[in-house]
Amino acid sequence: MDRRSFLRSATAIGAGLALSPHILLAQDNPADDINVALLGAGEQGQVLTDACLKIPGVRFKAVCDIWTEYNLRKVSRRLKAYKHENNTYTDYQEMLASEKDLDAVIIATPDFWHADHAVACLRAGLDVYCEKEMSNTLEGARRIVLAAKETGKLLQVGHQRRSNPRYLHCYNKIIKEADMLGRITTINGQWNRAARPDLGASEKYMIDPATLEKYGFKDMHQFRNWRWYKGLGGGPIVDLGSHQIDIYNWFLDTNPKSVMAGGGTDYYNKQTHQWYDNVMAIYEYPTLLGTVRAFYQTITTNSSQGYYESFMGDQGTLTISESASRGAVYREPTSPLWDKWVKLGLVNAPVEEKKEEKPKAGVVLDVRETLAPPAYELPVTMDKLYHQPHLENFFDAIRGKAKLTCPAEAGYETAVTVLKVNEAVEAGRKLDFDPAEFKV
C-alpha cells in the first residue's frame, strides 16, 4: 500500500469506527503527514509555503529552484525554522529521482515550465498542485490533463477563489439556491495595478549564464520578469485576469462562445514588455436564459478601484472580490423584497435601507436618476490566507475527504478562455470558440 492509499484508508477507518480522535489526526501522528515538495521557490512559491505552514499534517521534505543563492536557500531555511527538515535541489528531475517518500508536489514555477513539471510529477506517482495558468500554451495544458487522466493522480489548478468560502457562498446560496440576481445579463470585472519598475537582482545573487540558458532564460532580466515575455508567460490578462475570468465560467456554469479584445504595450518598453500592458475584453456567454455579455479589464499603469467582479441581473447585483473590502448584493427596485433571504442568513440586512429608499424632503431627482440601492453585505468572512482554503481542499482530497474544487478539466477550460484573449488582441477582431476547444 502506498502512502496515499494509506492516508485514504486511515480516513475511512476514522469515519467508520469509534476510535480515539488522536489516532488519526495528522498533527498528532507523524505517520499520517502528507509529505510535500515545493517546485519553484519564488514569490508565489513563498506565498503558498506560508499558507501550507498554517495547515496541520503537511510536511515539506524538499525544495527545488534554480536561484540557489537566493530563493532556494531562503525558503529552505524558513522551512527548517518551522521544523520542516528538507533537501534542496536545482534540477527537478534529480529531486524526483532522489526523494522516495513524497506524496505531493506544489508547482509555482514560470508558466512555460508547468507542463513539463506537472507531467513529470504526475508520472512519478505524485499528486500535484499547479499554479495557474496551467500552461502558457494549450498544448502544454492538454499534456497536463492527459497525464492526470493516465496516472489517476490528483491535479489541482491554483484558481484559489473556487475554494474561498465567500465565493462558495455566493455561488451556492445567492445565485443557485435563492436566485437573488434573477437573469444575469452583464458581468464587469477588472484588475488594475499601479505602474512599477522591472524586477532586478544584485550582482551578489546573479545566476550563471549556463544555468539560465539551460532553463530557458536569455538573461537575468528575463528570469526576473518572465511574465512579460512571449514564450514564457502570458502577460497581465493571463497573470491577473485568469483568476477572475475563471469565476465568470464558474458562476455562469458555461463557457463563452466568443471574445473580442483590444490592448497594447503603450507604457512600457516593448523590448522587455512583449505582452500587452493593458487589455480590455468582451465575452459572449450562452446561457439557458439568453446571452450574457462579460467585460474584463486589466491595466498596469494605475490601481484605481483595484480588483473585483460584478454580476448584474434583472433582480440584483453581486459585487465580490478576493479582498474582504468588497462583498455585497444590491437589490433592484423592481425586485421582491429580500426579507426572507435576510432571515435565512444568506445576506445581512442593510443598515440604512429605509433612509436610502426615499429621497430627503426637498430633493428633486432627474427623471433619469435613481437612488443607489442599499448594500446587503455577505454574512460569510474569510479569516485565512488567500490560498489556504484551496490548499486545504487539495490536501483533503489526497486524504479522500473532499473533491477538488478546481481539477484539471476546470483549469483547462479557463486556460482556453483566457489564452484566446491575447489571440483576439493580435487578430484585431472578434474570435469564436468551438465547443470542442474546451475538451481534451
Protein backbone atom coordinates (compact mmCIF):
# COMPACT_ATOMS: atom_id res chain seq x y z
CA MET A 1 0.00 0.00 0.00
CA ASP A 2 1.47 3.38 -1.00
CA ARG A 3 1.31 6.43 1.25
CA ARG A 4 -1.70 7.99 -0.44
CA SER A 5 -3.69 4.76 -0.20
CA PHE A 6 -2.76 4.57 3.47
CA LEU A 7 -3.90 8.13 4.08
CA ARG A 8 -7.25 7.50 2.40
CA SER A 9 -7.84 4.19 4.17
CA ALA A 10 -6.96 5.77 7.51
CA THR A 11 -9.54 8.47 6.86
CA ALA A 12 -12.18 5.88 6.01
CA ILE A 13 -11.43 3.92 9.18
CA GLY A 14 -11.62 7.08 11.21
CA ALA A 15 -15.04 7.89 9.76
CA GLY A 16 -16.45 4.42 10.37
CA LEU A 17 -15.04 3.35 13.75
CA ALA A 18 -15.27 4.90 17.18
CA LEU A 19 -11.54 5.36 17.61
CA SER A 20 -9.81 7.97 19.68
CA PRO A 21 -9.65 11.14 17.55
CA HIS A 22 -5.95 11.45 18.31
CA ILE A 23 -5.15 8.24 16.45
CA LEU A 24 -5.85 9.69 13.04
CA LEU A 25 -5.13 13.38 13.40
CA ALA A 26 -2.15 14.17 11.19
CA GLN A 27 -0.77 16.71 13.63
CA ASP A 28 -0.70 14.05 16.38
CA ASN A 29 0.57 11.14 14.29
CA PRO A 30 3.55 11.96 12.01
CA ALA A 31 2.95 8.73 10.09
CA ASP A 32 -0.16 10.35 8.64
CA ASP A 33 1.60 13.52 7.45
CA ILE A 34 1.42 14.42 3.78
CA ASN A 35 4.98 14.77 2.51
CA VAL A 36 5.32 17.65 0.07
CA ALA A 37 7.95 19.14 -2.22
CA LEU A 38 7.96 22.76 -3.39
CA LEU A 39 8.98 23.15 -7.03
CA GLY A 40 9.56 26.87 -7.64
CA ALA A 41 10.51 28.92 -4.57
CA GLY A 42 9.94 32.43 -5.94
CA GLU A 43 7.41 34.95 -4.66
CA GLN A 44 4.37 32.78 -5.46
CA GLY A 45 6.01 29.67 -4.08
CA GLN A 46 6.71 31.53 -0.86
CA VAL A 47 3.08 32.67 -0.63
CA LEU A 48 1.92 29.07 -0.97
CA THR A 49 4.51 27.87 1.55
CA ASP A 50 3.30 30.39 4.13
CA ALA A 51 -0.27 29.14 3.65
CA CYS A 52 0.82 25.50 3.98
CA LEU A 53 2.60 26.25 7.24
CA LYS A 54 -0.82 27.00 8.73
CA ILE A 55 -2.25 23.63 7.68
CA PRO A 56 -1.73 20.72 10.11
CA GLY A 57 -0.33 17.46 8.79
CA VAL A 58 1.70 18.90 5.90
CA ARG A 59 5.45 18.30 5.93
CA PHE A 60 7.87 19.82 3.43
CA LYS A 61 10.60 17.36 2.50
CA ALA A 62 12.23 19.07 -0.48
CA VAL A 63 12.59 22.45 -2.19
CA CYS A 64 13.68 22.91 -5.81
CA ASP A 65 14.61 26.19 -7.51
CA ILE A 66 17.33 27.28 -9.93
CA TRP A 67 18.05 30.51 -7.98
CA THR A 68 20.11 28.70 -5.37
CA GLU A 69 21.80 31.77 -3.91
CA TYR A 70 18.52 33.46 -3.07
CA ASN A 71 15.13 31.73 -3.35
CA LEU A 72 16.30 28.20 -2.63
CA ARG A 73 18.33 28.97 0.47
CA LYS A 74 15.80 31.49 1.78
CA VAL A 75 12.83 29.10 1.62
CA SER A 76 14.77 26.07 2.83
CA ARG A 77 15.99 27.97 5.89
CA ARG A 78 12.49 29.27 6.63
CA LEU A 79 11.03 25.77 6.49
CA LYS A 80 13.75 24.41 8.76
CA ALA A 81 12.92 27.15 11.26
CA TYR A 82 9.44 25.63 11.38
CA LYS A 83 10.99 22.15 11.85
CA HIS A 84 10.44 21.03 8.25
CA GLU A 85 13.74 19.29 7.55
CA ASN A 86 14.20 19.43 3.77
CA ASN A 87 16.62 18.67 0.99
CA THR A 88 17.38 21.26 -1.70
CA TYR A 89 17.69 20.77 -5.45
CA THR A 90 18.31 22.83 -8.55
CA ASP A 91 17.07 20.21 -11.02
CA TYR A 92 13.55 18.82 -10.62
CA GLN A 93 14.45 15.51 -12.26
CA GLU A 94 17.13 14.93 -9.66
CA MET A 95 14.60 15.73 -6.94
CA LEU A 96 12.08 13.23 -8.28
CA ALA A 97 14.75 10.56 -8.61
CA SER A 98 16.10 11.12 -5.11
CA GLU A 99 13.01 11.76 -2.98
CA LYS A 100 11.21 8.44 -2.49
CA ASP A 101 8.83 9.39 0.31
CA LEU A 102 6.86 12.23 -1.33
CA ASP A 103 3.08 12.29 -1.63
CA ALA A 104 2.57 15.58 -3.45
CA VAL A 105 4.30 18.48 -5.20
CA ILE A 106 3.37 22.17 -5.25
CA ILE A 107 4.42 23.74 -8.57
CA ALA A 108 4.98 27.51 -8.62
CA THR A 109 7.47 27.81 -11.46
CA PRO A 110 7.07 30.11 -14.52
CA ASP A 111 4.11 29.19 -16.72
CA PHE A 112 6.18 27.81 -19.58
CA TRP A 113 7.61 25.13 -17.27
CA HIS A 114 4.27 23.98 -15.83
CA ALA A 115 3.60 21.26 -18.40
CA ASP A 116 7.00 19.58 -18.10
CA HIS A 117 6.98 19.82 -14.33
CA ALA A 118 3.39 18.69 -13.78
CA VAL A 119 3.60 15.77 -16.21
CA ALA A 120 6.87 14.54 -14.69
CA CYS A 121 5.48 14.74 -11.14
CA LEU A 122 2.22 13.00 -12.05
CA ARG A 123 4.11 10.20 -13.78
CA ALA A 124 6.33 9.89 -10.71
CA GLY A 125 3.17 8.95 -8.79
CA LEU A 126 2.62 12.26 -7.03
CA ASP A 127 -0.48 14.38 -6.60
CA VAL A 128 0.09 17.88 -7.97
CA TYR A 129 -0.99 21.38 -7.00
CA CYS A 130 -0.13 23.51 -10.06
CA GLU A 131 -0.36 27.27 -10.00
CA LYS A 132 -2.37 28.92 -12.71
CA GLU A 133 -2.08 29.36 -15.60
CA MET A 134 -1.90 25.62 -16.22
CA SER A 135 0.42 26.44 -19.09
CA ASN A 136 1.23 29.35 -21.37
CA THR A 137 0.08 27.17 -24.30
CA LEU A 138 -2.96 24.98 -24.84
CA GLU A 139 -0.70 22.16 -25.99
CA GLY A 140 1.02 22.25 -22.60
CA ALA A 141 -2.29 22.37 -20.74
CA ARG A 142 -3.55 19.35 -22.73
CA ARG A 143 -0.46 17.39 -21.76
CA ILE A 144 -1.20 18.02 -18.09
CA VAL A 145 -4.85 16.94 -18.38
CA LEU A 146 -3.89 13.77 -20.24
CA ALA A 147 -1.18 12.91 -17.71
CA ALA A 148 -3.65 13.33 -14.84
CA LYS A 149 -6.13 11.03 -16.60
CA GLU A 150 -3.49 8.45 -17.45
CA THR A 151 -1.98 8.28 -13.97
CA GLY A 152 -5.15 8.70 -11.91
CA LYS A 153 -3.35 11.24 -9.73
CA LEU A 154 -4.91 14.43 -8.42
CA LEU A 155 -4.26 17.72 -10.20
CA GLN A 156 -5.45 20.91 -8.55
CA VAL A 157 -5.09 24.15 -10.54
CA GLY A 158 -4.40 27.26 -8.45
CA HIS A 159 -7.59 29.22 -9.11
CA GLN A 160 -7.98 29.69 -5.38
CA ARG A 161 -11.26 31.62 -5.42
CA ARG A 162 -13.04 28.32 -6.09
CA SER A 163 -12.29 27.27 -2.51
CA ASN A 164 -12.87 30.69 -0.92
CA PRO A 165 -15.88 30.43 1.47
CA ARG A 166 -17.21 33.83 0.37
CA TYR A 167 -17.24 32.82 -3.30
CA LEU A 168 -18.70 29.41 -2.46
CA HIS A 169 -21.50 31.13 -0.54
CA CYS A 170 -22.23 33.43 -3.46
CA TYR A 171 -22.34 30.58 -5.96
CA ASN A 172 -24.24 28.02 -3.86
CA LYS A 173 -26.62 30.27 -1.94
CA ILE A 174 -27.09 33.64 -3.62
CA ILE A 175 -27.01 32.53 -7.26
CA LYS A 176 -28.13 28.89 -7.20
CA GLU A 177 -30.39 28.50 -4.17
CA ALA A 178 -32.02 31.91 -3.89
CA ASP A 179 -31.60 33.17 -7.46
CA MET A 180 -31.30 36.64 -5.96
CA LEU A 181 -29.83 38.19 -9.11
CA GLY A 182 -32.55 36.88 -11.41
CA ARG A 183 -31.47 36.62 -15.01
CA ILE A 184 -27.81 37.61 -15.21
CA THR A 185 -27.29 39.80 -18.26
CA THR A 186 -23.93 41.50 -17.72
CA ILE A 187 -20.63 40.99 -15.92
CA ASN A 188 -17.97 43.58 -15.21
CA GLY A 189 -14.57 42.78 -13.79
CA GLN A 190 -11.16 44.35 -13.55
CA TRP A 191 -7.71 44.13 -12.03
CA ASN A 192 -5.97 47.49 -12.13
CA ARG A 193 -2.41 47.65 -10.86
CA ALA A 194 -0.09 50.62 -10.38
CA ALA A 195 2.92 51.18 -12.60
CA ARG A 196 6.05 49.58 -11.24
CA PRO A 197 9.69 49.16 -12.29
CA ASP A 198 11.02 45.87 -13.62
CA LEU A 199 12.44 43.45 -11.09
CA GLY A 200 16.20 43.32 -10.73
CA ALA A 201 18.86 41.43 -8.78
CA SER A 202 22.11 42.42 -7.16
CA GLU A 203 25.42 41.16 -8.52
CA LYS A 204 25.77 39.02 -5.42
CA TYR A 205 22.81 36.84 -6.41
CA MET A 206 23.24 36.54 -10.16
CA ILE A 207 22.57 33.14 -11.76
CA ASP A 208 25.33 31.99 -14.08
CA PRO A 209 24.55 32.25 -17.83
CA ALA A 210 24.82 28.48 -18.43
CA THR A 211 22.13 27.72 -15.84
CA LEU A 212 19.86 30.46 -17.17
CA GLU A 213 20.18 29.11 -20.71
CA LYS A 214 19.58 25.52 -19.57
CA TYR A 215 16.26 26.53 -18.04
CA GLY A 216 15.04 28.73 -20.88
CA PHE A 217 16.10 32.26 -19.93
CA LYS A 218 18.21 34.62 -22.04
CA ASP A 219 19.47 36.67 -19.09
CA MET A 220 18.74 37.63 -15.51
CA HIS A 221 16.26 40.34 -16.52
CA GLN A 222 14.19 37.78 -18.40
CA PHE A 223 14.38 35.39 -15.45
CA ARG A 224 13.11 38.04 -13.04
CA ASN A 225 10.45 39.44 -15.39
CA TRP A 226 9.39 36.32 -17.29
CA ARG A 227 5.67 37.18 -17.06
CA TRP A 228 6.18 39.94 -19.66
CA TYR A 229 7.93 37.77 -22.26
CA LYS A 230 6.20 35.86 -25.03
CA GLY A 231 7.01 32.18 -24.85
CA LEU A 232 7.48 32.36 -21.08
CA GLY A 233 4.32 33.95 -19.65
CA GLY A 234 1.07 35.37 -20.95
CA GLY A 235 1.07 38.96 -19.75
CA PRO A 236 -1.36 40.57 -17.28
CA ILE A 237 -4.52 39.11 -18.88
CA VAL A 238 -3.18 35.65 -18.02
CA ASP A 239 -1.30 36.52 -14.86
CA LEU A 240 -4.10 38.58 -13.28
CA GLY A 241 -7.23 38.20 -15.37
CA SER A 242 -7.17 34.42 -15.34
CA HIS A 243 -8.30 34.34 -11.70
CA GLN A 244 -11.39 36.42 -12.35
CA ILE A 245 -12.37 35.16 -15.78
CA ASP A 246 -12.32 31.70 -14.18
CA ILE A 247 -15.11 32.97 -11.91
CA TYR A 248 -17.15 34.05 -14.95
CA ASN A 249 -17.11 30.47 -16.25
CA TRP A 250 -17.82 29.01 -12.83
CA PHE A 251 -20.71 31.28 -11.78
CA LEU A 252 -22.41 31.00 -15.20
CA ASP A 253 -21.85 27.23 -15.43
CA THR A 254 -20.83 27.56 -19.05
CA ASN A 255 -18.00 28.56 -21.37
CA PRO A 256 -18.04 31.60 -23.69
CA LYS A 257 -18.94 31.42 -27.37
CA SER A 258 -16.84 34.41 -28.48
CA VAL A 259 -14.41 37.09 -27.38
CA MET A 260 -13.23 40.39 -28.78
CA ALA A 261 -10.39 42.35 -27.23
CA GLY A 262 -8.14 45.35 -27.60
CA GLY A 263 -4.90 46.26 -25.92
CA GLY A 264 -1.25 47.03 -26.42
CA THR A 265 2.10 47.87 -24.88
CA ASP A 266 1.50 51.59 -24.58
CA TYR A 267 3.52 52.45 -21.48
CA TYR A 268 6.47 50.14 -21.02
CA ASN A 269 9.43 49.28 -23.23
CA LYS A 270 8.23 46.88 -25.91
CA GLN A 271 11.57 45.06 -25.96
CA THR A 272 11.27 44.00 -22.33
CA HIS A 273 7.46 44.03 -22.09
CA GLN A 274 6.47 41.94 -25.08
CA TRP A 275 2.97 41.28 -23.73
CA TYR A 276 0.31 43.99 -23.55
CA ASP A 277 0.35 46.28 -20.51
CA ASN A 278 -3.39 46.91 -20.94
CA VAL A 279 -6.19 44.69 -22.24
CA MET A 280 -9.96 45.12 -22.45
CA ALA A 281 -12.05 42.13 -23.47
CA ILE A 282 -15.74 41.37 -24.03
CA TYR A 283 -17.03 37.80 -23.90
CA GLU A 284 -20.38 36.43 -25.01
CA TYR A 285 -21.70 33.60 -22.85
CA PRO A 286 -24.65 31.47 -23.99
CA THR A 287 -26.99 30.54 -21.11
CA LEU A 288 -30.44 28.95 -20.94
CA LEU A 289 -31.98 32.36 -20.27
CA GLY A 290 -30.08 34.22 -23.00
CA THR A 291 -26.74 35.82 -23.80
CA VAL A 292 -24.57 37.25 -21.04
CA ARG A 293 -22.02 39.87 -22.07
CA ALA A 294 -18.97 39.92 -19.82
CA PHE A 295 -16.45 42.74 -19.81
CA TYR A 296 -12.97 42.42 -18.34
CA GLN A 297 -10.20 44.98 -17.98
CA THR A 298 -6.64 44.81 -16.74
CA ILE A 299 -4.26 47.76 -16.78
CA THR A 300 -0.82 48.01 -15.19
CA THR A 301 -0.35 51.77 -15.02
CA ASN A 302 -2.98 52.79 -12.46
CA SER A 303 -4.53 50.96 -9.50
CA SER A 304 -7.89 52.76 -9.38
CA GLN A 305 -10.60 50.58 -7.77
CA GLY A 306 -8.29 47.58 -7.58
CA TYR A 307 -9.81 44.25 -8.49
CA TYR A 308 -13.35 42.87 -8.28
CA GLU A 309 -16.10 41.07 -10.20
CA SER A 310 -19.67 42.36 -10.57
CA PHE A 311 -22.52 40.08 -11.71
CA MET A 312 -25.59 42.06 -12.79
CA GLY A 313 -29.06 40.57 -13.17
CA ASP A 314 -32.55 41.96 -13.60
CA GLN A 315 -33.24 41.44 -9.87
CA GLY A 316 -29.93 42.36 -8.29
CA THR A 317 -26.18 42.83 -8.49
CA LEU A 318 -23.44 40.87 -6.74
CA THR A 319 -20.10 42.61 -6.30
CA ILE A 320 -17.35 40.40 -4.92
CA SER A 321 -13.58 40.48 -4.57
CA GLU A 322 -10.94 38.27 -3.03
CA SER A 323 -10.22 41.34 -0.94
CA ALA A 324 -12.53 41.48 2.08
CA SER A 325 -13.30 45.13 1.32
CA ARG A 326 -15.88 44.13 -1.30
CA GLY A 327 -18.72 41.69 -0.92
CA ALA A 328 -22.37 42.73 -1.14
CA VAL A 329 -25.60 42.19 -3.06
CA TYR A 330 -27.71 45.12 -4.28
CA ARG A 331 -31.44 44.72 -4.87
CA GLU A 332 -33.06 46.23 -7.94
CA PRO A 333 -36.08 48.47 -7.17
CA THR A 334 -38.34 46.14 -9.16
CA SER A 335 -37.24 43.04 -7.26
CA PRO A 336 -39.39 41.50 -4.50
CA LEU A 337 -38.19 42.33 -1.01
CA TRP A 338 -35.34 40.20 0.31
CA ASP A 339 -36.56 39.88 3.90
CA LYS A 340 -36.73 36.09 3.68
CA TRP A 341 -33.13 35.85 2.50
CA VAL A 342 -32.04 38.02 5.42
CA LYS A 343 -33.93 35.76 7.85
CA LEU A 344 -32.33 32.67 6.28
CA GLY A 345 -28.88 34.22 6.72
CA LEU A 346 -27.99 34.41 3.02
CA VAL A 347 -27.26 38.14 3.34
CA ASN A 348 -27.12 40.68 6.14
CA ALA A 349 -29.79 43.35 6.40
CA PRO A 350 -28.66 46.73 5.05
CA VAL A 351 -28.00 49.21 7.83
CA GLU A 352 -29.56 52.26 6.16
CA GLU A 353 -32.17 50.65 3.92
CA LYS A 354 -35.18 52.75 4.95
CA LYS A 355 -33.33 56.06 4.75
CA GLU A 356 -31.89 55.25 1.33
CA GLU A 357 -35.17 54.11 -0.21
CA LYS A 358 -36.73 57.57 0.00
CA PRO A 359 -35.19 60.88 -1.09
CA LYS A 360 -34.86 63.58 1.53
CA ALA A 361 -37.55 66.27 1.64
CA GLY A 362 -37.00 68.95 -0.96
CA VAL A 363 -34.64 66.81 -3.07
CA VAL A 364 -35.79 66.50 -6.68
CA LEU A 365 -34.25 63.72 -8.78
CA ASP A 366 -33.71 63.94 -12.51
CA VAL A 367 -36.09 61.63 -14.38
CA ARG A 368 -33.08 59.57 -15.49
CA GLU A 369 -31.66 59.26 -11.97
CA THR A 370 -32.27 56.56 -9.39
CA LEU A 371 -31.16 56.26 -5.80
CA ALA A 372 -28.26 53.96 -5.02
CA PRO A 373 -29.64 50.63 -3.82
CA PRO A 374 -28.81 49.51 -0.28
CA ALA A 375 -25.98 47.01 0.20
CA TYR A 376 -26.82 43.60 1.62
CA GLU A 377 -23.42 42.54 2.96
CA LEU A 378 -22.25 38.95 2.79
CA PRO A 379 -22.56 37.08 6.11
CA VAL A 380 -19.50 34.92 5.35
CA THR A 381 -15.98 36.04 6.16
CA MET A 382 -12.57 34.63 5.20
CA ASP A 383 -10.12 34.69 8.09
CA LYS A 384 -7.37 32.68 6.39
CA LEU A 385 -4.60 33.50 3.94
CA TYR A 386 -6.00 33.77 0.41
CA HIS A 387 -4.52 30.48 -0.84
CA GLN A 388 -5.05 28.46 2.33
CA PRO A 389 -8.58 27.07 1.70
CA HIS A 390 -7.59 25.94 -1.81
CA LEU A 391 -4.54 24.13 -0.47
CA GLU A 392 -6.65 22.64 2.32
CA ASN A 393 -9.05 21.32 -0.31
CA PHE A 394 -6.11 19.74 -2.16
CA PHE A 395 -4.78 18.01 0.94
CA ASP A 396 -8.29 16.93 1.98
CA ALA A 397 -8.71 15.38 -1.46
CA ILE A 398 -5.46 13.46 -1.02
CA ARG A 399 -6.88 12.06 2.21
CA GLY A 400 -10.13 11.15 0.45
CA LYS A 401 -12.16 13.67 2.44
CA ALA A 402 -13.07 16.08 -0.36
CA LYS A 403 -13.34 16.56 -4.11
CA LEU A 404 -11.04 19.02 -5.83
CA THR A 405 -12.65 22.39 -6.42
CA CYS A 406 -10.51 23.09 -9.50
CA PRO A 407 -9.45 19.81 -11.11
CA ALA A 408 -7.52 19.56 -14.36
CA GLU A 409 -10.58 19.79 -16.62
CA ALA A 410 -11.85 23.02 -15.00
CA GLY A 411 -8.40 24.57 -15.15
CA TYR A 412 -8.12 23.65 -18.81
CA GLU A 413 -11.45 25.31 -19.68
CA THR A 414 -10.24 28.52 -18.08
CA ALA A 415 -6.92 28.31 -19.93
CA VAL A 416 -8.81 28.07 -23.23
CA THR A 417 -10.99 31.04 -22.23
CA VAL A 418 -8.11 33.29 -21.18
CA LEU A 419 -5.40 32.47 -23.73
CA LYS A 420 -7.82 33.33 -26.55
CA VAL A 421 -7.82 36.97 -25.37
CA ASN A 422 -4.24 37.55 -26.45
CA GLU A 423 -5.10 35.97 -29.81
CA ALA A 424 -8.06 38.34 -30.18
CA VAL A 425 -5.88 41.38 -29.45
CA GLU A 426 -3.38 40.28 -32.07
CA ALA A 427 -6.09 39.46 -34.62
CA GLY A 428 -7.89 42.75 -34.03
CA ARG A 429 -11.30 41.13 -34.38
CA LYS A 430 -13.90 39.01 -32.67
CA LEU A 431 -12.94 35.34 -32.32
CA ASP A 432 -15.39 32.47 -31.87
CA PHE A 433 -14.87 29.46 -29.63
CA ASP A 434 -15.56 25.97 -30.90
CA PRO A 435 -17.19 23.99 -28.03
CA ALA A 436 -14.73 21.19 -28.83
CA GLU A 437 -11.87 23.51 -27.83
CA PHE A 438 -12.82 23.14 -24.18
CA LYS A 439 -12.46 19.34 -24.17
CA VAL A 440 -9.36 17.18 -24.03
